[in-house]
Amino acid sequence: MACAEELPEKHCWVCFATEREDRVAEWVSPCRCKGCTKWIHQSCLQRWLDEKQKGNSGGAVSCPQCGTEYHIVFPKMGPVVYFLQQVDRALSRASPFAAVGVVVGTVYWSAVTYGAVTVMQVVGHKKGLYVMERADPLFLLMGLPTIPVVLVLGKMIRWEDYIVRLWQRHSYKRQLPGLGTVRSQPRLPAEGPGAGDHLSVSRTLCGALIFPSIASLVGRLLFRRVSSSLQRTILGGIAFVVMKGILKVYFKQQQYFIQANRHILNYPERDRERERDGQIEGGEEDTEDSGNE
């Protein structure tokens, strides 16, 4: 009220100009505010609205002081402009769903293609084409995309961790190379065995998708006498999983025992004496400097 008595004329709270300074300016009182914050230039309010809406002309804007929502009125538009505006709004609302559909469709057809390539790689090119040509199309559309899904889910099964736990329960008294004889249960790491081996999404995905190729390659190298391509790939996959699992279990067990049997050394007495002598010499130099001052 005091501000209203001091400045009875209109006062813009954006540019701080008064009615005396600009007699022809258009003023507006768009909210419930009183006193100094009641009036504002129409042009200043328009610029302020543009900054708040950030290109969304239909967005609601409220007064920063009293919270009153501004009542914005647009001029009447013709039928063509109205039709184009409705089309633009419909496209804006439908575009997120369309984008999701495109992404899902791309992933689905990529999975179908990967499944078809995997089938031809496992059973052979000619036989794979023959099987897919004779199969029901609906079965192919439903079954082929499940191949990469099953491979990824199978990759996420960490059976090596269970073997490591069983090994750790029954191997405390065994003599390991480089570690001597463990007479008692070693200290357990704070995070637990295998806690640092986190599941990487990219590593799991890549490993699952290249597994059929690796299984086919291992089958050709180790099981050349097997005539069936399918049996050779299955045997190669089993051999690869077993060899990789054995190496991974051994590596994890060694990591666990190294972590469990670590030892912290005493601080060397020579270094401690050197630090003590250095602190004494530094204190003497500070004393001399202060005396000289």
C-alpha atoms as a PDB file:
ATOM      1  CA  MET A   1       0.000   0.000   0.000  1.00  0.00           C
ATOM      2  CA  ALA A   2       2.896   2.333   0.781  1.00  0.00           C
ATOM      3  CA  CYS A   3       4.361   1.635  -2.646  1.00  0.00           C
ATOM      4  CA  ALA A   4       0.999   2.411  -4.227  1.00  0.00           C
ATOM      5  CA  GLU A   5       0.833   5.738  -2.409  1.00  0.00           C
ATOM      6  CA  GLU A   6       4.373   6.694  -3.460  1.00  0.00           C
ATOM      7  CA  LEU A   7       3.807   5.737  -7.095  1.00  0.00           C
ATOM      8  CA  PRO A   8       0.163   6.310  -7.983  1.00  0.00           C
ATOM      9  CA  GLU A   9       0.905   6.082 -11.690  1.00  0.00           C
ATOM     10  CA  LYS A  10       1.274   2.772 -13.480  1.00  0.00           C
ATOM     11  CA  HIS A  11       4.591   1.012 -12.987  1.00  0.00           C
ATOM     12  CA  CYS A  12       5.833  -1.946 -15.138  1.00  0.00           C
ATOM     13  CA  TRP A  13       7.486  -4.666 -13.040  1.00  0.00           C
ATOM     14  CA  VAL A  14       9.486  -5.959 -16.055  1.00  0.00           C
ATOM     15  CA  CYS A  15      11.151  -2.858 -17.507  1.00  0.00           C
ATOM     16  CA  PHE A  16      10.478  -0.630 -14.418  1.00  0.00           C
ATOM     17  CA  ALA A  17       9.145   2.155 -16.676  1.00  0.00           C
ATOM     18  CA  THR A  18       6.327   4.406 -15.423  1.00  0.00           C
ATOM     19  CA  GLU A  19       3.318   5.824 -17.179  1.00  0.00           C
ATOM     20  CA  ARG A  20       4.969   9.252 -17.240  1.00  0.00           C
ATOM     21  CA  GLU A  21       7.893   7.940 -19.305  1.00  0.00           C
ATOM     22  CA  ASP A  22       5.722   6.358 -22.022  1.00  0.00           C
ATOM     23  CA  ARG A  23       2.285   7.867 -22.510  1.00  0.00           C
ATOM     24  CA  VAL A  24       1.291   5.757 -25.559  1.00  0.00           C
ATOM     25  CA  ALA A  25       2.255   2.318 -24.208  1.00  0.00           C
ATOM     26  CA  GLU A  26      -0.480  -0.268 -23.745  1.00  0.00           C
ATOM     27  CA  TRP A  27      -0.875  -1.400 -20.145  1.00  0.00           C
ATOM     28  CA  VAL A  28      -2.538  -4.525 -18.745  1.00  0.00           C
ATOM     29  CA  SER A  29      -3.382  -5.825 -15.286  1.00  0.00           C
ATOM     30  CA  PRO A  30      -3.498  -9.631 -15.861  1.00  0.00           C
ATOM     31  CA  CYS A  31      -3.603 -10.970 -12.281  1.00  0.00           C
ATOM     32  CA  ARG A  32      -4.768 -10.306  -8.697  1.00  0.00           C
ATOM     33  CA  CYS A  33      -1.640  -8.371  -7.729  1.00  0.00           C
ATOM     34  CA  LYS A  34      -2.046  -4.871  -6.295  1.00  0.00           C
ATOM     35  CA  GLY A  35       0.187  -1.876  -5.921  1.00  0.00           C
ATOM     36  CA  CYS A  36       3.538  -1.792  -7.735  1.00  0.00           C
ATOM     37  CA  THR A  37       3.186  -5.246  -9.301  1.00  0.00           C
ATOM     38  CA  LYS A  38      -0.348  -4.746 -10.656  1.00  0.00           C
ATOM     39  CA  TRP A  39       0.487  -3.149 -14.004  1.00  0.00           C
ATOM     40  CA  ILE A  40       2.764  -4.286 -16.821  1.00  0.00           C
ATOM     41  CA  HIS A  41       3.321  -3.249 -20.417  1.00  0.00           C
ATOM     42  CA  GLN A  42       1.512  -5.473 -22.924  1.00  0.00           C
ATOM     43  CA  SER A  43       4.718  -5.742 -24.969  1.00  0.00           C
ATOM     44  CA  CYS A  44       6.808  -6.606 -21.894  1.00  0.00           C
ATOM     45  CA  LEU A  45       4.303  -9.275 -20.885  1.00  0.00           C
ATOM     46  CA  GLN A  46       4.353 -10.736 -24.406  1.00  0.00           C
ATOM     47  CA  ARG A  47       8.159 -11.047 -24.346  1.00  0.00           C
ATOM     48  CA  TRP A  48       8.035 -12.554 -20.862  1.00  0.00           C
ATOM     49  CA  LEU A  49       5.428 -15.099 -22.012  1.00  0.00           C
ATOM     50  CA  ASP A  50       7.601 -16.082 -24.989  1.00  0.00           C
ATOM     51  CA  GLU A  51      10.503 -16.786 -22.639  1.00  0.00           C
ATOM     52  CA  LYS A  52       8.348 -18.887 -20.311  1.00  0.00           C
ATOM     53  CA  GLN A  53       6.515 -20.855 -22.986  1.00  0.00           C
ATOM     54  CA  LYS A  54       9.686 -21.606 -25.017  1.00  0.00           C
ATOM     55  CA  GLY A  55       7.848 -22.089 -28.300  1.00  0.00           C
ATOM     56  CA  ASN A  56       4.773 -23.775 -26.826  1.00  0.00           C
ATOM     57  CA  SER A  57       2.181 -21.085 -27.471  1.00  0.00           C
ATOM     58  CA  GLY A  58      -0.572 -23.175 -25.878  1.00  0.00           C
ATOM     59  CA  GLY A  59       1.209 -23.624 -22.574  1.00  0.00           C
ATOM     60  CA  ALA A  60      -0.316 -22.109 -19.453  1.00  0.00           C
ATOM     61  CA  VAL A  61       1.630 -19.352 -17.668  1.00  0.00           C
ATOM     62  CA  SER A  62       0.929 -17.985 -14.219  1.00  0.00           C
ATOM     63  CA  CYS A  63       1.929 -14.845 -12.372  1.00  0.00           C
ATOM     64  CA  PRO A  64       5.164 -15.371 -10.429  1.00  0.00           C
ATOM     65  CA  GLN A  65       3.835 -13.305  -7.520  1.00  0.00           C
ATOM     66  CA  CYS A  66       0.221 -14.338  -6.860  1.00  0.00           C
ATOM     67  CA  GLY A  67       0.050 -17.500  -8.987  1.00  0.00           C
ATOM     68  CA  THR A  68      -2.902 -16.356 -11.091  1.00  0.00           C
ATOM     69  CA  GLU A  69      -2.999 -18.054 -14.488  1.00  0.00           C
ATOM     70  CA  TYR A  70      -2.985 -15.524 -17.304  1.00  0.00           C
ATOM     71  CA  HIS A  71      -6.035 -15.551 -19.556  1.00  0.00           C
ATOM     72  CA  ILE A  72      -4.644 -15.504 -23.106  1.00  0.00           C
ATOM     73  CA  VAL A  73      -6.987 -14.892 -26.037  1.00  0.00           C
ATOM     74  CA  PHE A  74      -5.956 -15.576 -29.620  1.00  0.00           C
ATOM     75  CA  PRO A  75      -7.496 -13.925 -32.692  1.00  0.00           C
ATOM     76  CA  LYS A  76      -9.986 -15.909 -34.720  1.00  0.00           C
ATOM     77  CA  MET A  77      -8.458 -18.082 -37.409  1.00  0.00           C
ATOM     78  CA  GLY A  78      -9.833 -19.240 -40.730  1.00  0.00           C
ATOM     79  CA  PRO A  79     -10.981 -22.807 -41.435  1.00  0.00           C
ATOM     80  CA  VAL A  80      -7.780 -23.707 -43.274  1.00  0.00           C
ATOM     81  CA  VAL A  81      -5.556 -22.527 -40.435  1.00  0.00           C
ATOM     82  CA  TYR A  82      -7.792 -24.281 -37.890  1.00  0.00           C
ATOM     83  CA  PHE A  83      -7.574 -27.540 -39.867  1.00  0.00           C
ATOM     84  CA  LEU A  84      -3.786 -27.298 -40.125  1.00  0.00           C
ATOM     85  CA  GLN A  85      -3.545 -26.576 -36.414  1.00  0.00           C
ATOM     86  CA  GLN A  86      -5.587 -29.677 -35.549  1.00  0.00           C
ATOM     87  CA  VAL A  87      -3.455 -31.786 -37.876  1.00  0.00           C
ATOM     88  CA  ASP A  88      -0.291 -30.462 -36.252  1.00  0.00           C
ATOM     89  CA  ARG A  89      -1.602 -31.276 -32.780  1.00  0.00           C
ATOM     90  CA  ALA A  90      -2.631 -34.779 -33.843  1.00  0.00           C
ATOM     91  CA  LEU A  91       0.801 -35.426 -35.327  1.00  0.00           C
ATOM     92  CA  SER A  92       2.500 -34.139 -32.198  1.00  0.00           C
ATOM     93  CA  ARG A  93       0.458 -36.505 -30.030  1.00  0.00           C
ATOM     94  CA  ALA A  94       0.902 -39.520 -32.314  1.00  0.00           C
ATOM     95  CA  SER A  95       4.611 -39.098 -33.051  1.00  0.00           C
ATOM     96  CA  PRO A  96       5.871 -40.628 -29.745  1.00  0.00           C
ATOM     97  CA  PHE A  97       3.761 -43.756 -30.272  1.00  0.00           C
ATOM     98  CA  ALA A  98       4.872 -43.957 -33.899  1.00  0.00           C
ATOM     99  CA  ALA A  99       8.510 -43.666 -32.863  1.00  0.00           C
ATOM    100  CA  VAL A 100       8.084 -46.451 -30.312  1.00  0.00           C
ATOM    101  CA  GLY A 101       6.405 -48.598 -32.948  1.00  0.00           C
ATOM    102  CA  VAL A 102       9.247 -48.021 -35.403  1.00  0.00           C
ATOM    103  CA  VAL A 103      11.857 -48.931 -32.790  1.00  0.00           C
ATOM    104  CA  VAL A 104       9.967 -52.062 -31.711  1.00  0.00           C
ATOM    105  CA  GLY A 105       9.432 -53.085 -35.333  1.00  0.00           C
ATOM    106  CA  THR A 106      13.107 -52.595 -36.133  1.00  0.00           C
ATOM    107  CA  VAL A 107      14.166 -54.685 -33.142  1.00  0.00           C
ATOM    108  CA  TYR A 108      11.633 -57.384 -34.028  1.00  0.00           C
ATOM    109  CA  TRP A 109      12.682 -57.727 -37.663  1.00  0.00           C
ATOM    110  CA  SER A 110      16.330 -57.629 -36.645  1.00  0.00           C
ATOM    111  CA  ALA A 111      15.629 -60.515 -34.265  1.00  0.00           C
ATOM    112  CA  VAL A 112      13.814 -62.411 -37.052  1.00  0.00           C
ATOM    113  CA  THR A 113      16.745 -61.908 -39.417  1.00  0.00           C
ATOM    114  CA  TYR A 114      19.254 -62.952 -36.756  1.00  0.00           C
ATOM    115  CA  GLY A 115      17.204 -66.062 -35.976  1.00  0.00           C
ATOM    116  CA  ALA A 116      17.057 -67.046 -39.652  1.00  0.00           C
ATOM    117  CA  VAL A 117      20.814 -66.547 -40.089  1.00  0.00           C
ATOM    118  CA  THR A 118      21.463 -68.591 -36.937  1.00  0.00           C
ATOM    119  CA  VAL A 119      19.302 -71.457 -38.180  1.00  0.00           C
ATOM    120  CA  MET A 120      21.197 -71.571 -41.493  1.00  0.00           C
ATOM    121  CA  GLN A 121      24.515 -71.351 -39.652  1.00  0.00           C
ATOM    122  CA  VAL A 122      23.682 -74.183 -37.259  1.00  0.00           C
ATOM    123  CA  VAL A 123      22.014 -76.736 -39.554  1.00  0.00           C
ATOM    124  CA  GLY A 124      23.645 -75.631 -42.812  1.00  0.00           C
ATOM    125  CA  HIS A 125      22.701 -73.097 -45.448  1.00  0.00           C
ATOM    126  CA  LYS A 126      20.762 -75.345 -47.809  1.00  0.00           C
ATOM    127  CA  LYS A 127      19.084 -77.380 -45.094  1.00  0.00           C
ATOM    128  CA  GLY A 128      18.200 -74.230 -43.159  1.00  0.00           C
ATOM    129  CA  LEU A 129      16.513 -72.681 -46.186  1.00  0.00           C
ATOM    130  CA  TYR A 130      14.656 -75.931 -46.836  1.00  0.00           C
ATOM    131  CA  VAL A 131      13.407 -76.133 -43.236  1.00  0.00           C
ATOM    132  CA  MET A 132      12.247 -72.504 -43.174  1.00  0.00           C
ATOM    133  CA  GLU A 133      10.509 -72.831 -46.544  1.00  0.00           C
ATOM    134  CA  ARG A 134       8.551 -75.851 -45.334  1.00  0.00           C
ATOM    135  CA  ALA A 135       7.739 -74.410 -41.903  1.00  0.00           C
ATOM    136  CA  ASP A 136       4.570 -72.527 -41.021  1.00  0.00           C
ATOM    137  CA  PRO A 137       5.060 -68.740 -41.562  1.00  0.00           C
ATOM    138  CA  LEU A 138       3.352 -67.967 -38.259  1.00  0.00           C
ATOM    139  CA  PHE A 139       5.672 -70.368 -36.472  1.00  0.00           C
ATOM    140  CA  LEU A 140       8.691 -68.677 -38.069  1.00  0.00           C
ATOM    141  CA  LEU A 141       7.463 -65.191 -37.147  1.00  0.00           C
ATOM    142  CA  MET A 142       6.976 -66.306 -33.548  1.00  0.00           C
ATOM    143  CA  GLY A 143       9.914 -68.662 -33.204  1.00  0.00           C
ATOM    144  CA  LEU A 144      12.798 -66.945 -34.953  1.00  0.00           C
ATOM    145  CA  PRO A 145      12.775 -63.818 -32.705  1.00  0.00           C
ATOM    146  CA  THR A 146      12.979 -66.043 -29.625  1.00  0.00           C
ATOM    147  CA  ILE A 147      16.418 -67.348 -30.659  1.00  0.00           C
ATOM    148  CA  PRO A 148      18.379 -64.194 -29.651  1.00  0.00           C
ATOM    149  CA  VAL A 149      16.193 -63.819 -26.557  1.00  0.00           C
ATOM    150  CA  VAL A 150      16.994 -67.376 -25.428  1.00  0.00           C
ATOM    151  CA  LEU A 151      20.691 -66.835 -26.127  1.00  0.00           C
ATOM    152  CA  VAL A 152      20.777 -63.652 -24.025  1.00  0.00           C
ATOM    153  CA  LEU A 153      18.854 -65.296 -21.156  1.00  0.00           C
ATOM    154  CA  GLY A 154      21.183 -68.274 -21.286  1.00  0.00           C
ATOM    155  CA  LYS A 155      24.188 -65.976 -21.174  1.00  0.00           C
ATOM    156  CA  MET A 156      22.816 -64.367 -18.015  1.00  0.00           C
ATOM    157  CA  ILE A 157      22.863 -67.712 -16.159  1.00  0.00           C
ATOM    158  CA  ARG A 158      26.103 -67.527 -14.175  1.00  0.00           C
ATOM    159  CA  TRP A 159      26.570 -71.187 -13.308  1.00  0.00           C
ATOM    160  CA  GLU A 160      30.278 -70.656 -12.710  1.00  0.00           C
ATOM    161  CA  ASP A 161      29.504 -68.708  -9.520  1.00  0.00           C
ATOM    162  CA  TYR A 162      27.761 -71.721  -7.971  1.00  0.00           C
ATOM    163  CA  ILE A 163      30.736 -73.952  -8.754  1.00  0.00           C
ATOM    164  CA  VAL A 164      33.102 -71.369  -7.266  1.00  0.00           C
ATOM    165  CA  ARG A 165      31.061 -71.292  -4.047  1.00  0.00           C
ATOM    166  CA  LEU A 166      31.103 -75.093  -3.793  1.00  0.00           C
ATOM    167  CA  TRP A 167      34.827 -75.114  -4.458  1.00  0.00           C
ATOM    168  CA  GLN A 168      35.454 -72.501  -1.785  1.00  0.00           C
ATOM    169  CA  ARG A 169      33.524 -74.512   0.811  1.00  0.00           C
ATOM    170  CA  HIS A 170      35.630 -77.655   0.306  1.00  0.00           C
ATOM    171  CA  SER A 171      39.048 -76.301  -0.676  1.00  0.00           C
ATOM    172  CA  TYR A 172      40.310 -74.421   2.408  1.00  0.00           C
ATOM    173  CA  LYS A 173      42.795 -77.154   3.331  1.00  0.00           C
ATOM    174  CA  ARG A 174      44.061 -77.796  -0.159  1.00  0.00           C
ATOM    175  CA  GLN A 175      47.498 -76.678  -1.216  1.00  0.00           C
ATOM    176  CA  LEU A 176      47.364 -74.183  -4.073  1.00  0.00           C
ATOM    177  CA  PRO A 177      50.337 -73.180  -6.246  1.00  0.00           C
ATOM    178  CA  GLY A 178      52.015 -70.031  -4.994  1.00  0.00           C
ATOM    179  CA  LEU A 179      49.816 -69.743  -1.894  1.00  0.00           C
ATOM    180  CA  GLY A 180      51.050 -72.581   0.325  1.00  0.00           C
ATOM    181  CA  THR A 181      48.766 -74.683   2.522  1.00  0.00           C
ATOM    182  CA  VAL A 182      45.676 -72.980   3.832  1.00  0.00           C
ATOM    183  CA  ARG A 183      45.323 -74.388   7.344  1.00  0.00           C
ATOM    184  CA  SER A 184      42.204 -72.516   8.288  1.00  0.00           C
ATOM    185  CA  GLN A 185      39.409 -70.678   6.617  1.00  0.00           C
ATOM    186  CA  PRO A 186      40.857 -67.535   5.004  1.00  0.00           C
ATOM    187  CA  ARG A 187      39.539 -64.095   5.633  1.00  0.00           C
ATOM    188  CA  LEU A 188      36.475 -63.408   3.501  1.00  0.00           C
ATOM    189  CA  PRO A 189      36.631 -60.224   1.406  1.00  0.00           C
ATOM    190  CA  ALA A 190      34.222 -57.531   2.526  1.00  0.00           C
ATOM    191  CA  GLU A 191      32.305 -57.590  -0.758  1.00  0.00           C
ATOM    192  CA  GLY A 192      32.154 -61.364  -0.969  1.00  0.00           C
ATOM    193  CA  PRO A 193      33.580 -63.681  -3.655  1.00  0.00           C
ATOM    194  CA  GLY A 194      32.936 -62.596  -7.205  1.00  0.00           C
ATOM    195  CA  ALA A 195      31.410 -59.284  -6.156  1.00  0.00           C
ATOM    196  CA  GLY A 196      33.647 -57.330  -8.501  1.00  0.00           C
ATOM    197  CA  ASP A 197      32.525 -59.355 -11.537  1.00  0.00           C
ATOM    198  CA  HIS A 198      29.421 -57.368 -12.375  1.00  0.00           C
ATOM    199  CA  LEU A 199      27.121 -58.294 -15.218  1.00  0.00           C
ATOM    200  CA  SER A 200      27.877 -56.040 -18.184  1.00  0.00           C
ATOM    201  CA  VAL A 201      24.938 -55.488 -20.529  1.00  0.00           C
ATOM    202  CA  SER A 202      27.071 -54.904 -23.620  1.00  0.00           C
ATOM    203  CA  ARG A 203      29.351 -57.846 -22.843  1.00  0.00           C
ATOM    204  CA  THR A 204      26.407 -60.170 -22.202  1.00  0.00           C
ATOM    205  CA  LEU A 205      24.620 -59.074 -25.384  1.00  0.00           C
ATOM    206  CA  CYS A 206      27.685 -59.408 -27.607  1.00  0.00           C
ATOM    207  CA  GLY A 207      28.671 -62.752 -26.087  1.00  0.00           C
ATOM    208  CA  ALA A 208      25.176 -64.156 -26.577  1.00  0.00           C
ATOM    209  CA  LEU A 209      24.878 -63.024 -30.198  1.00  0.00           C
ATOM    210  CA  ILE A 210      28.261 -64.374 -31.317  1.00  0.00           C
ATOM    211  CA  PHE A 211      27.845 -67.669 -29.442  1.00  0.00           C
ATOM    212  CA  PRO A 212      26.359 -69.576 -32.449  1.00  0.00           C
ATOM    213  CA  SER A 213      29.321 -68.529 -34.606  1.00  0.00           C
ATOM    214  CA  ILE A 214      31.800 -69.615 -31.939  1.00  0.00           C
ATOM    215  CA  ALA A 215      29.958 -72.915 -31.427  1.00  0.00           C
ATOM    216  CA  SER A 216      30.036 -73.592 -35.174  1.00  0.00           C
ATOM    217  CA  LEU A 217      33.748 -72.758 -35.379  1.00  0.00           C
ATOM    218  CA  VAL A 218      34.679 -74.937 -32.375  1.00  0.00           C
ATOM    219  CA  GLY A 219      32.559 -77.773 -33.752  1.00  0.00           C
ATOM    220  CA  ARG A 220      34.405 -77.656 -37.071  1.00  0.00           C
ATOM    221  CA  LEU A 221      37.781 -77.680 -35.329  1.00  0.00           C
ATOM    222  CA  LEU A 222      37.127 -80.406 -32.731  1.00  0.00           C
ATOM    223  CA  PHE A 223      34.425 -82.582 -34.261  1.00  0.00           C
ATOM    224  CA  ARG A 224      35.279 -82.835 -37.946  1.00  0.00           C
ATOM    225  CA  ARG A 225      34.242 -86.473 -38.139  1.00  0.00           C
ATOM    226  CA  VAL A 226      30.636 -85.625 -37.249  1.00  0.00           C
ATOM    227  CA  SER A 227      28.729 -85.380 -40.508  1.00  0.00           C
ATOM    228  CA  SER A 228      25.659 -83.542 -39.209  1.00  0.00           C
ATOM    229  CA  SER A 229      26.140 -79.771 -39.037  1.00  0.00           C
ATOM    230  CA  LEU A 230      23.568 -79.475 -36.245  1.00  0.00           C
ATOM    231  CA  GLN A 231      25.241 -82.109 -34.063  1.00  0.00           C
ATOM    232  CA  ARG A 232      28.664 -80.638 -34.769  1.00  0.00           C
ATOM    233  CA  THR A 233      27.502 -77.155 -33.718  1.00  0.00           C
ATOM    234  CA  ILE A 234      25.822 -78.468 -30.551  1.00  0.00           C
ATOM    235  CA  LEU A 235      28.945 -80.395 -29.546  1.00  0.00           C
ATOM    236  CA  GLY A 236      31.091 -77.348 -30.304  1.00  0.00           C
ATOM    237  CA  GLY A 237      28.873 -75.143 -28.180  1.00  0.00           C
ATOM    238  CA  ILE A 238      28.993 -77.570 -25.252  1.00  0.00           C
ATOM    239  CA  ALA A 239      32.768 -77.883 -25.536  1.00  0.00           C
ATOM    240  CA  PHE A 240      33.201 -74.103 -25.655  1.00  0.00           C
ATOM    241  CA  VAL A 241      30.934 -73.541 -22.639  1.00  0.00           C
ATOM    242  CA  VAL A 242      32.768 -76.231 -20.619  1.00  0.00           C
ATOM    243  CA  MET A 243      36.256 -74.944 -21.486  1.00  0.00           C
ATOM    244  CA  LYS A 244      35.292 -71.345 -20.833  1.00  0.00           C
ATOM    245  CA  GLY A 245      33.590 -72.298 -17.559  1.00  0.00           C
ATOM    246  CA  ILE A 246      36.639 -74.212 -16.305  1.00  0.00           C
ATOM    247  CA  LEU A 247      38.959 -71.303 -17.057  1.00  0.00           C
ATOM    248  CA  LYS A 248      36.555 -68.805 -15.496  1.00  0.00           C
ATOM    249  CA  VAL A 249      36.091 -70.895 -12.341  1.00  0.00           C
ATOM    250  CA  TYR A 250      39.854 -71.279 -11.941  1.00  0.00           C
ATOM    251  CA  PHE A 251      40.434 -67.562 -12.510  1.00  0.00           C
ATOM    252  CA  LYS A 252      37.737 -66.560 -10.002  1.00  0.00           C
ATOM    253  CA  GLN A 253      39.071 -68.976  -7.410  1.00  0.00           C
ATOM    254  CA  GLN A 254      42.577 -67.601  -7.767  1.00  0.00           C
ATOM    255  CA  GLN A 255      41.270 -64.032  -7.510  1.00  0.00           C
ATOM    256  CA  TYR A 256      39.331 -64.953  -4.387  1.00  0.00           C
ATOM    257  CA  PHE A 257      42.300 -66.553  -2.640  1.00  0.00           C
ATOM    258  CA  ILE A 258      44.606 -63.684  -3.587  1.00  0.00           C
ATOM    259  CA  GLN A 259      42.099 -61.195  -2.168  1.00  0.00           C
ATOM    260  CA  ALA A 260      41.433 -63.307   0.942  1.00  0.00           C
ATOM    261  CA  ASN A 261      45.135 -63.804   1.765  1.00  0.00           C
ATOM    262  CA  ARG A 262      46.375 -60.265   1.220  1.00  0.00           C
ATOM    263  CA  HIS A 263      48.522 -58.770   3.964  1.00  0.00           C
ATOM    264  CA  ILE A 264      49.198 -55.193   4.996  1.00  0.00           C
ATOM    265  CA  LEU A 265      52.848 -54.432   5.798  1.00  0.00           C
ATOM    266  CA  ASN A 266      54.151 -52.356   8.672  1.00  0.00           C
ATOM    267  CA  TYR A 267      55.293 -48.858   7.900  1.00  0.00           C
ATOM    268  CA  PRO A 268      59.122 -48.867   7.591  1.00  0.00           C
ATOM    269  CA  GLU A 269      60.861 -47.460  10.672  1.00  0.00           C
ATOM    270  CA  ARG A 270      63.512 -45.779   8.524  1.00  0.00           C
ATOM    271  CA  ASP A 271      60.880 -43.739   6.649  1.00  0.00           C
ATOM    272  CA  ARG A 272      59.215 -42.870   9.929  1.00  0.00           C
ATOM    273  CA  GLU A 273      62.539 -41.616  11.374  1.00  0.00           C
ATOM    274  CA  ARG A 274      63.229 -39.610   8.218  1.00  0.00           C
ATOM    275  CA  GLU A 275      59.836 -37.919   8.432  1.00  0.00           C
ATOM    276  CA  ARG A 276      60.442 -37.154  12.106  1.00  0.00           C
ATOM    277  CA  ASP A 277      63.868 -35.636  11.359  1.00  0.00           C
ATOM    278  CA  GLY A 278      62.365 -33.628   8.494  1.00  0.00           C
ATOM    279  CA  GLN A 279      59.643 -32.233  10.759  1.00  0.00           C
ATOM    280  CA  ILE A 280      62.245 -31.246  13.373  1.00  0.00           C
ATOM    281  CA  GLU A 281      64.418 -29.505  10.767  1.00  0.00           C
ATOM    282  CA  GLY A 282      61.375 -27.731   9.340  1.00  0.00           C
ATOM    283  CA  GLY A 283      60.398 -26.523  12.808  1.00  0.00           C
ATOM    284  CA  GLU A 284      63.893 -25.176  13.438  1.00  0.00           C
ATOM    285  CA  GLU A 285      63.865 -23.292  10.128  1.00  0.00           C
ATOM    286  CA  ASP A 286      60.495 -21.727  10.954  1.00  0.00           C
ATOM    287  CA  THR A 287      61.846 -20.661  14.352  1.00  0.00           C
ATOM    288  CA  GLU A 288      64.905 -19.050  12.765  1.00  0.00           C
ATOM    289  CA  ASP A 289      62.785 -17.228  10.179  1.00  0.00           C
ATOM    290  CA  SER A 290      60.459 -15.862  12.827  1.00  0.00           C
ATOM    291  CA  GLY A 291      63.484 -14.714  14.911  1.00  0.00           C
ATOM    292  CA  ASN A 292      64.967 -12.920  11.922  1.00  0.00           C
ATOM    293  CA  GLU A 293      61.715 -11.111  11.320  1.00  0.00           C
END
